[in-house]
């Protein structure tokens, strides 16, 4: 996938992620907490995947 064919939503998400990496640790922690509250299914799936990989 090249820059030309990427979705504008994906481009924006990548830009936000890169900007978040520049923020202080407290801001990053708050963002993760908000994300966990907003997208609990995603975090549950990530936890389950990590547990499977540890086995």
N, C-alpha and C. Protein backbone atom coordinates (compact mmCIF):
# COMPACT_ATOMS: atom_id res chain seq x y z
N UNK A 1 0.84 -1.18 0.00
CA UNK A 1 0.00 0.00 0.00
C UNK A 1 0.89 1.24 0.00
N UNK A 2 0.69 2.08 -0.95
CA UNK A 2 1.50 3.30 -1.03
C UNK A 2 0.75 4.46 -0.40
N UNK A 3 1.44 5.55 -0.25
CA UNK A 3 0.81 6.76 0.30
C UNK A 3 -0.41 7.16 -0.51
N UNK A 4 -0.35 6.96 -1.83
CA UNK A 4 -1.45 7.38 -2.71
C UNK A 4 -2.70 6.54 -2.52
N UNK A 5 -2.54 5.26 -2.14
CA UNK A 5 -3.70 4.37 -2.05
C UNK A 5 -4.21 4.21 -0.63
N UNK A 6 -3.53 4.77 0.35
CA UNK A 6 -3.98 4.65 1.74
C UNK A 6 -5.24 5.47 1.96
N UNK A 7 -6.06 4.95 2.84
CA UNK A 7 -7.27 5.66 3.24
C UNK A 7 -6.89 6.93 4.00
N UNK A 8 -7.63 8.00 3.80
CA UNK A 8 -7.36 9.22 4.57
C UNK A 8 -7.47 8.97 6.08
N UNK A 9 -8.36 8.05 6.47
CA UNK A 9 -8.51 7.71 7.89
C UNK A 9 -7.25 7.05 8.42
N UNK A 10 -6.66 6.17 7.63
CA UNK A 10 -5.43 5.49 8.04
C UNK A 10 -4.29 6.49 8.14
N UNK A 11 -4.18 7.37 7.18
CA UNK A 11 -3.14 8.40 7.21
C UNK A 11 -3.27 9.26 8.47
N UNK A 12 -4.50 9.64 8.80
CA UNK A 12 -4.74 10.45 9.99
C UNK A 12 -4.41 9.67 11.26
N UNK A 13 -4.78 8.40 11.32
CA UNK A 13 -4.50 7.57 12.49
C UNK A 13 -3.00 7.43 12.71
N UNK A 14 -2.25 7.25 11.63
CA UNK A 14 -0.80 7.14 11.73
C UNK A 14 -0.20 8.46 12.23
N UNK A 15 -0.69 9.56 11.72
CA UNK A 15 -0.20 10.88 12.14
C UNK A 15 -0.48 11.12 13.62
N UNK A 16 -1.67 10.75 14.06
CA UNK A 16 -2.03 10.91 15.48
C UNK A 16 -1.13 10.04 16.34
N UNK A 17 -0.91 8.80 15.92
CA UNK A 17 -0.05 7.88 16.67
C UNK A 17 1.36 8.43 16.79
N UNK A 18 1.89 8.96 15.70
CA UNK A 18 3.24 9.52 15.72
C UNK A 18 3.31 10.74 16.64
N UNK A 19 2.29 11.57 16.61
CA UNK A 19 2.26 12.75 17.47
C UNK A 19 2.15 12.35 18.94
N UNK A 20 1.37 11.31 19.22
CA UNK A 20 1.21 10.83 20.59
C UNK A 20 2.54 10.35 21.16
N UNK A 21 3.38 9.76 20.33
CA UNK A 21 4.70 9.29 20.79
C UNK A 21 5.58 10.44 21.28
N UNK A 22 5.29 11.65 20.84
CA UNK A 22 6.07 12.82 21.23
C UNK A 22 5.59 13.43 22.56
N UNK A 23 4.45 12.96 23.04
CA UNK A 23 3.85 13.52 24.25
C UNK A 23 4.49 12.93 25.50
N UNK A 24 4.34 13.61 26.65
CA UNK A 24 4.89 13.09 27.90
C UNK A 24 4.22 11.76 28.28
N UNK A 25 4.89 10.96 29.10
CA UNK A 25 4.34 9.65 29.50
C UNK A 25 2.95 9.74 30.14
N UNK A 26 2.71 10.82 30.89
CA UNK A 26 1.39 10.96 31.54
C UNK A 26 0.28 11.07 30.49
N UNK A 27 0.54 11.81 29.45
CA UNK A 27 -0.45 11.99 28.37
C UNK A 27 -0.67 10.66 27.66
N UNK A 28 0.40 9.93 27.40
CA UNK A 28 0.28 8.64 26.74
C UNK A 28 -0.53 7.67 27.60
N UNK A 29 -0.29 7.68 28.91
CA UNK A 29 -1.03 6.79 29.82
C UNK A 29 -2.52 7.13 29.82
N UNK A 30 -2.84 8.42 29.86
CA UNK A 30 -4.24 8.84 29.83
C UNK A 30 -4.91 8.43 28.53
N UNK A 31 -4.18 8.55 27.43
CA UNK A 31 -4.73 8.16 26.13
C UNK A 31 -5.03 6.66 26.11
N UNK A 32 -4.11 5.85 26.64
CA UNK A 32 -4.33 4.40 26.67
C UNK A 32 -5.55 4.07 27.53
N UNK A 33 -5.70 4.74 28.67
CA UNK A 33 -6.85 4.52 29.53
C UNK A 33 -8.15 4.87 28.81
N UNK A 34 -8.15 6.00 28.13
CA UNK A 34 -9.33 6.41 27.37
C UNK A 34 -9.63 5.40 26.26
N UNK A 35 -8.58 4.94 25.60
CA UNK A 35 -8.75 3.97 24.52
C UNK A 35 -9.33 2.66 25.06
N UNK A 36 -8.87 2.23 26.23
CA UNK A 36 -9.39 0.99 26.82
C UNK A 36 -10.87 1.12 27.14
N UNK A 37 -11.28 2.31 27.60
CA UNK A 37 -12.69 2.53 27.91
C UNK A 37 -13.53 2.63 26.64
N UNK A 38 -12.96 3.19 25.59
CA UNK A 38 -13.69 3.40 24.35
C UNK A 38 -13.77 2.13 23.50
N UNK A 39 -12.69 1.35 23.51
CA UNK A 39 -12.62 0.16 22.67
C UNK A 39 -12.30 -1.09 23.50
N UNK A 40 -13.18 -1.48 24.44
CA UNK A 40 -12.86 -2.62 25.31
C UNK A 40 -12.70 -3.94 24.55
N UNK A 41 -13.43 -4.12 23.45
CA UNK A 41 -13.33 -5.37 22.69
C UNK A 41 -11.93 -5.52 22.09
N UNK A 42 -11.38 -4.42 21.62
CA UNK A 42 -10.04 -4.46 21.02
C UNK A 42 -9.01 -4.82 22.08
N UNK A 43 -9.10 -4.21 23.23
CA UNK A 43 -8.12 -4.50 24.30
C UNK A 43 -8.28 -5.92 24.80
N UNK A 44 -9.51 -6.41 24.87
CA UNK A 44 -9.74 -7.80 25.29
C UNK A 44 -9.09 -8.75 24.28
N UNK A 45 -9.27 -8.48 23.00
CA UNK A 45 -8.68 -9.32 21.96
C UNK A 45 -7.15 -9.28 22.04
N UNK A 46 -6.58 -8.12 22.30
CA UNK A 46 -5.12 -8.01 22.42
C UNK A 46 -4.61 -8.81 23.61
N UNK A 47 -5.32 -8.73 24.74
CA UNK A 47 -4.93 -9.51 25.93
C UNK A 47 -4.99 -10.99 25.65
N UNK A 48 -6.06 -11.44 25.00
CA UNK A 48 -6.21 -12.85 24.68
C UNK A 48 -5.10 -13.33 23.75
N UNK A 49 -4.74 -12.51 22.78
CA UNK A 49 -3.67 -12.86 21.84
C UNK A 49 -2.34 -12.98 22.58
N UNK A 50 -2.07 -12.04 23.48
CA UNK A 50 -0.83 -12.08 24.26
C UNK A 50 -0.78 -13.35 25.12
N UNK A 51 -1.91 -13.73 25.71
CA UNK A 51 -1.95 -14.94 26.55
C UNK A 51 -1.70 -16.17 25.72
N UNK A 52 -2.26 -16.20 24.51
CA UNK A 52 -2.05 -17.35 23.61
C UNK A 52 -0.58 -17.47 23.22
N UNK A 53 0.06 -16.33 22.98
CA UNK A 53 1.47 -16.33 22.57
C UNK A 53 2.38 -16.77 23.71
N UNK A 54 1.96 -16.53 24.95
CA UNK A 54 2.77 -16.91 26.11
C UNK A 54 2.72 -18.40 26.37
N UNK A 55 1.69 -19.07 25.88
CA UNK A 55 1.52 -20.51 26.12
C UNK A 55 2.46 -21.31 25.27
